[in-house]
Amino acid sequence: MEIIVFEKETYWKMQTELMQMFQKALKEANKEEDDWIPTEKAKALLGVKSKSKMQELRDNDCIKFSKLGKKTIMYSHKSILDFLKRNIPKY
């Protein structure tokens, strides 16, 4: 067995840095949770009115989505913005 010894000050500095890393990771994880939007908001962002067009976008992997239960579908806001950036012509 190997024993590692820290000075008290070094130990607390390391502890503080670890806590900051955990807090940052938690914030990032929460951002991903906030990224999901309902169908109606996704349709509004995309300028889509029909369910079939949304189905086409899902089938072609144009945007990320997650299905909750049998009917509820949530869409990744970030993936929709990325899709729009890729597909809106630049003038």
N, C-alpha and C. Protein backbone atom coordinates (compact mmCIF):
# COMPACT_ATOMS: atom_id res chain seq x y z
N MET A 1 0.85 -1.17 0.00
CA MET A 1 0.00 0.00 0.00
C MET A 1 0.89 1.23 0.00
N GLU A 2 0.45 2.23 -0.78
CA GLU A 2 1.19 3.48 -0.88
C GLU A 2 0.42 4.57 -0.17
N ILE A 3 1.09 5.34 0.64
CA ILE A 3 0.45 6.42 1.39
C ILE A 3 0.93 7.75 0.81
N ILE A 4 -0.02 8.62 0.55
CA ILE A 4 0.30 9.94 0.02
C ILE A 4 -0.04 10.96 1.10
N VAL A 5 0.90 11.85 1.37
CA VAL A 5 0.74 12.85 2.42
C VAL A 5 0.66 14.24 1.76
N PHE A 6 -0.34 15.01 2.21
CA PHE A 6 -0.51 16.38 1.73
C PHE A 6 -0.29 17.34 2.88
N GLU A 7 0.23 18.50 2.53
CA GLU A 7 0.24 19.57 3.51
C GLU A 7 -1.21 20.05 3.65
N LYS A 8 -1.55 20.56 4.80
CA LYS A 8 -2.91 20.98 5.09
C LYS A 8 -3.42 21.99 4.06
N GLU A 9 -2.61 22.97 3.76
CA GLU A 9 -2.98 24.03 2.82
C GLU A 9 -3.22 23.45 1.42
N THR A 10 -2.37 22.55 0.99
CA THR A 10 -2.50 21.92 -0.32
C THR A 10 -3.77 21.08 -0.40
N TYR A 11 -4.06 20.36 0.69
CA TYR A 11 -5.27 19.53 0.74
C TYR A 11 -6.52 20.39 0.56
N TRP A 12 -6.61 21.50 1.27
CA TRP A 12 -7.79 22.35 1.18
C TRP A 12 -7.90 23.04 -0.18
N LYS A 13 -6.77 23.36 -0.76
CA LYS A 13 -6.77 23.94 -2.10
C LYS A 13 -7.31 22.92 -3.10
N MET A 14 -6.86 21.69 -2.99
CA MET A 14 -7.33 20.63 -3.86
C MET A 14 -8.84 20.40 -3.65
N GLN A 15 -9.27 20.40 -2.42
CA GLN A 15 -10.68 20.22 -2.08
C GLN A 15 -11.54 21.31 -2.72
N THR A 16 -11.09 22.54 -2.64
CA THR A 16 -11.81 23.67 -3.23
C THR A 16 -11.89 23.53 -4.75
N GLU A 17 -10.78 23.16 -5.38
CA GLU A 17 -10.76 22.99 -6.84
C GLU A 17 -11.70 21.85 -7.27
N LEU A 18 -11.72 20.77 -6.52
CA LEU A 18 -12.63 19.66 -6.84
C LEU A 18 -14.09 20.09 -6.74
N MET A 19 -14.42 20.84 -5.71
CA MET A 19 -15.79 21.32 -5.55
C MET A 19 -16.19 22.24 -6.71
N GLN A 20 -15.27 23.08 -7.16
CA GLN A 20 -15.55 23.96 -8.28
C GLN A 20 -15.79 23.15 -9.55
N MET A 21 -15.00 22.09 -9.73
CA MET A 21 -15.18 21.21 -10.89
C MET A 21 -16.54 20.53 -10.85
N PHE A 22 -16.95 20.05 -9.68
CA PHE A 22 -18.25 19.40 -9.54
C PHE A 22 -19.39 20.39 -9.82
N GLN A 23 -19.26 21.61 -9.30
CA GLN A 23 -20.29 22.62 -9.52
C GLN A 23 -20.41 22.95 -11.01
N LYS A 24 -19.29 23.06 -11.70
CA LYS A 24 -19.30 23.35 -13.12
C LYS A 24 -19.96 22.20 -13.89
N ALA A 25 -19.63 20.97 -13.52
CA ALA A 25 -20.23 19.81 -14.19
C ALA A 25 -21.75 19.77 -13.96
N LEU A 26 -22.19 20.11 -12.76
CA LEU A 26 -23.62 20.14 -12.48
C LEU A 26 -24.33 21.22 -13.29
N LYS A 27 -23.71 22.37 -13.42
CA LYS A 27 -24.31 23.45 -14.21
C LYS A 27 -24.45 23.02 -15.67
N GLU A 28 -23.43 22.36 -16.20
CA GLU A 28 -23.47 21.89 -17.58
C GLU A 28 -24.58 20.85 -17.75
N ALA A 29 -24.71 19.95 -16.79
CA ALA A 29 -25.76 18.93 -16.85
C ALA A 29 -27.13 19.57 -16.82
N ASN A 30 -27.31 20.61 -16.01
CA ASN A 30 -28.59 21.30 -15.94
C ASN A 30 -28.90 22.06 -17.22
N LYS A 31 -27.87 22.57 -17.88
CA LYS A 31 -28.09 23.26 -19.16
C LYS A 31 -28.66 22.30 -20.18
N GLU A 32 -28.14 21.07 -20.19
CA GLU A 32 -28.65 20.08 -21.14
C GLU A 32 -30.11 19.77 -20.87
N GLU A 33 -30.50 19.71 -19.60
CA GLU A 33 -31.89 19.46 -19.27
C GLU A 33 -32.77 20.61 -19.74
N ASP A 34 -32.27 21.84 -19.64
CA ASP A 34 -33.03 23.00 -20.05
C ASP A 34 -33.10 23.12 -21.57
N ASP A 35 -32.30 22.34 -22.27
CA ASP A 35 -32.23 22.41 -23.72
C ASP A 35 -33.49 21.87 -24.39
N TRP A 36 -34.25 21.04 -23.74
CA TRP A 36 -35.39 20.36 -24.36
C TRP A 36 -36.64 21.24 -24.35
N ILE A 37 -37.26 21.34 -25.52
CA ILE A 37 -38.46 22.17 -25.67
C ILE A 37 -39.60 21.32 -26.25
N PRO A 38 -40.85 21.73 -25.99
CA PRO A 38 -41.99 20.97 -26.51
C PRO A 38 -42.19 21.17 -28.01
N THR A 39 -43.02 20.31 -28.58
CA THR A 39 -43.26 20.32 -30.02
C THR A 39 -43.71 21.67 -30.55
N GLU A 40 -44.66 22.30 -29.88
CA GLU A 40 -45.19 23.57 -30.39
C GLU A 40 -44.12 24.65 -30.48
N LYS A 41 -43.25 24.71 -29.50
CA LYS A 41 -42.17 25.71 -29.52
C LYS A 41 -41.17 25.37 -30.63
N ALA A 42 -40.89 24.08 -30.81
CA ALA A 42 -39.97 23.65 -31.87
C ALA A 42 -40.55 24.01 -33.24
N LYS A 43 -41.84 23.77 -33.42
CA LYS A 43 -42.49 24.11 -34.69
C LYS A 43 -42.42 25.61 -34.95
N ALA A 44 -42.62 26.40 -33.93
CA ALA A 44 -42.56 27.85 -34.08
C ALA A 44 -41.15 28.31 -34.49
N LEU A 45 -40.14 27.74 -33.85
CA LEU A 45 -38.75 28.10 -34.19
C LEU A 45 -38.42 27.74 -35.63
N LEU A 46 -38.91 26.59 -36.06
CA LEU A 46 -38.60 26.10 -37.41
C LEU A 46 -39.52 26.69 -38.48
N GLY A 47 -40.60 27.32 -38.06
CA GLY A 47 -41.57 27.84 -39.02
C GLY A 47 -42.35 26.71 -39.68
N VAL A 48 -42.56 25.64 -38.93
CA VAL A 48 -43.26 24.46 -39.44
C VAL A 48 -44.65 24.42 -38.83
N LYS A 49 -45.64 24.03 -39.63
CA LYS A 49 -47.00 23.95 -39.12
C LYS A 49 -47.51 22.52 -39.02
N SER A 50 -46.94 21.61 -39.80
CA SER A 50 -47.49 20.26 -39.86
C SER A 50 -46.70 19.25 -39.04
N LYS A 51 -47.43 18.25 -38.56
CA LYS A 51 -46.80 17.14 -37.83
C LYS A 51 -45.92 16.32 -38.77
N SER A 52 -46.35 16.22 -40.02
CA SER A 52 -45.59 15.39 -40.98
C SER A 52 -44.20 15.98 -41.27
N LYS A 53 -44.10 17.30 -41.31
CA LYS A 53 -42.79 17.94 -41.53
C LYS A 53 -41.87 17.68 -40.33
N MET A 54 -42.43 17.74 -39.12
CA MET A 54 -41.64 17.43 -37.92
C MET A 54 -41.18 15.98 -37.97
N GLN A 55 -42.08 15.09 -38.41
CA GLN A 55 -41.72 13.67 -38.54
C GLN A 55 -40.59 13.50 -39.55
N GLU A 56 -40.66 14.23 -40.64
CA GLU A 56 -39.61 14.16 -41.67
C GLU A 56 -38.26 14.61 -41.11
N LEU A 57 -38.27 15.69 -40.35
CA LEU A 57 -37.03 16.19 -39.74
C LEU A 57 -36.45 15.17 -38.75
N ARG A 58 -37.34 14.50 -38.00
CA ARG A 58 -36.87 13.46 -37.07
C ARG A 58 -36.32 12.27 -37.84
N ASP A 59 -37.06 11.82 -38.86
CA ASP A 59 -36.66 10.64 -39.64
C ASP A 59 -35.31 10.84 -40.33
N ASN A 60 -35.04 12.06 -40.75
CA ASN A 60 -33.79 12.35 -41.46
C ASN A 60 -32.67 12.79 -40.53
N ASP A 61 -32.89 12.67 -39.23
CA ASP A 61 -31.89 13.05 -38.22
C ASP A 61 -31.42 14.49 -38.38
N CYS A 62 -32.32 15.35 -38.78
CA CYS A 62 -31.97 16.77 -38.93
C CYS A 62 -31.91 17.46 -37.56
N ILE A 63 -32.77 17.02 -36.65
CA ILE A 63 -32.82 17.59 -35.31
C ILE A 63 -32.91 16.46 -34.30
N LYS A 64 -32.39 16.72 -33.10
CA LYS A 64 -32.44 15.72 -32.03
C LYS A 64 -33.78 15.81 -31.32
N PHE A 65 -34.27 14.65 -30.92
CA PHE A 65 -35.54 14.61 -30.20
C PHE A 65 -35.52 13.46 -29.20
N SER A 66 -36.45 13.52 -28.28
CA SER A 66 -36.61 12.47 -27.29
C SER A 66 -38.10 12.24 -27.10
N LYS A 67 -38.47 10.97 -27.09
CA LYS A 67 -39.88 10.64 -26.93
C LYS A 67 -40.14 10.22 -25.49
N LEU A 68 -41.11 10.85 -24.87
CA LEU A 68 -41.48 10.56 -23.50
C LEU A 68 -42.86 9.92 -23.53
N GLY A 69 -42.95 8.68 -23.15
CA GLY A 69 -44.24 8.00 -23.19
C GLY A 69 -44.62 7.71 -24.63
N LYS A 70 -45.93 7.63 -24.88
CA LYS A 70 -46.40 7.29 -26.22
C LYS A 70 -46.54 8.49 -27.14
N LYS A 71 -46.84 9.66 -26.59
CA LYS A 71 -47.16 10.80 -27.45
C LYS A 71 -46.26 12.01 -27.29
N THR A 72 -45.67 12.21 -26.14
CA THR A 72 -44.92 13.43 -25.87
C THR A 72 -43.52 13.35 -26.50
N ILE A 73 -43.24 14.32 -27.35
CA ILE A 73 -41.93 14.41 -27.99
C ILE A 73 -41.33 15.75 -27.62
N MET A 74 -40.08 15.71 -27.17
CA MET A 74 -39.34 16.94 -26.85
C MET A 74 -38.19 17.07 -27.84
N TYR A 75 -37.86 18.31 -28.16
CA TYR A 75 -36.82 18.58 -29.15
C TYR A 75 -35.66 19.36 -28.52
N SER A 76 -34.47 19.07 -29.01
CA SER A 76 -33.29 19.78 -28.53
C SER A 76 -33.25 21.17 -29.17
N HIS A 77 -33.34 22.18 -28.33
CA HIS A 77 -33.30 23.57 -28.79
C HIS A 77 -31.99 23.84 -29.54
N LYS A 78 -30.90 23.34 -29.00
CA LYS A 78 -29.58 23.55 -29.62
C LYS A 78 -29.52 22.93 -31.01
N SER A 79 -30.05 21.72 -31.15
CA SER A 79 -29.99 21.06 -32.46
C SER A 79 -30.86 21.80 -33.48
N ILE A 80 -31.95 22.40 -33.02
CA ILE A 80 -32.78 23.18 -33.93
C ILE A 80 -32.04 24.42 -34.40
N LEU A 81 -31.37 25.10 -33.47
CA LEU A 81 -30.60 26.29 -33.85
C LEU A 81 -29.46 25.92 -34.80
N ASP A 82 -28.79 24.79 -34.54
CA ASP A 82 -27.74 24.32 -35.43
C ASP A 82 -28.29 24.01 -36.82
N PHE A 83 -29.45 23.36 -36.87
CA PHE A 83 -30.10 23.05 -38.14
C PHE A 83 -30.41 24.33 -38.91
N LEU A 84 -30.94 25.32 -38.22
CA LEU A 84 -31.26 26.58 -38.88
C LEU A 84 -30.01 27.27 -39.41
N LYS A 85 -28.93 27.25 -38.63
CA LYS A 85 -27.68 27.87 -39.09
C LYS A 85 -27.15 27.19 -40.34
N ARG A 86 -27.30 25.86 -40.40
CA ARG A 86 -26.81 25.11 -41.56
C ARG A 86 -27.68 25.33 -42.79
N ASN A 87 -28.94 25.63 -42.61
CA ASN A 87 -29.87 25.63 -43.73
C ASN A 87 -30.43 26.99 -44.13
N ILE A 88 -30.12 28.03 -43.40
CA ILE A 88 -30.58 29.36 -43.79
C ILE A 88 -29.52 29.97 -44.69
N PRO A 89 -29.91 30.38 -45.89
CA PRO A 89 -28.92 30.96 -46.81
C PRO A 89 -28.33 32.26 -46.27
N LYS A 90 -27.07 32.46 -46.55
CA LYS A 90 -26.39 33.69 -46.12
C LYS A 90 -26.44 34.69 -47.26
N TYR A 91 -26.80 35.91 -46.91
CA TYR A 91 -26.90 36.96 -47.93
C TYR A 91 -25.76 37.88 -47.84
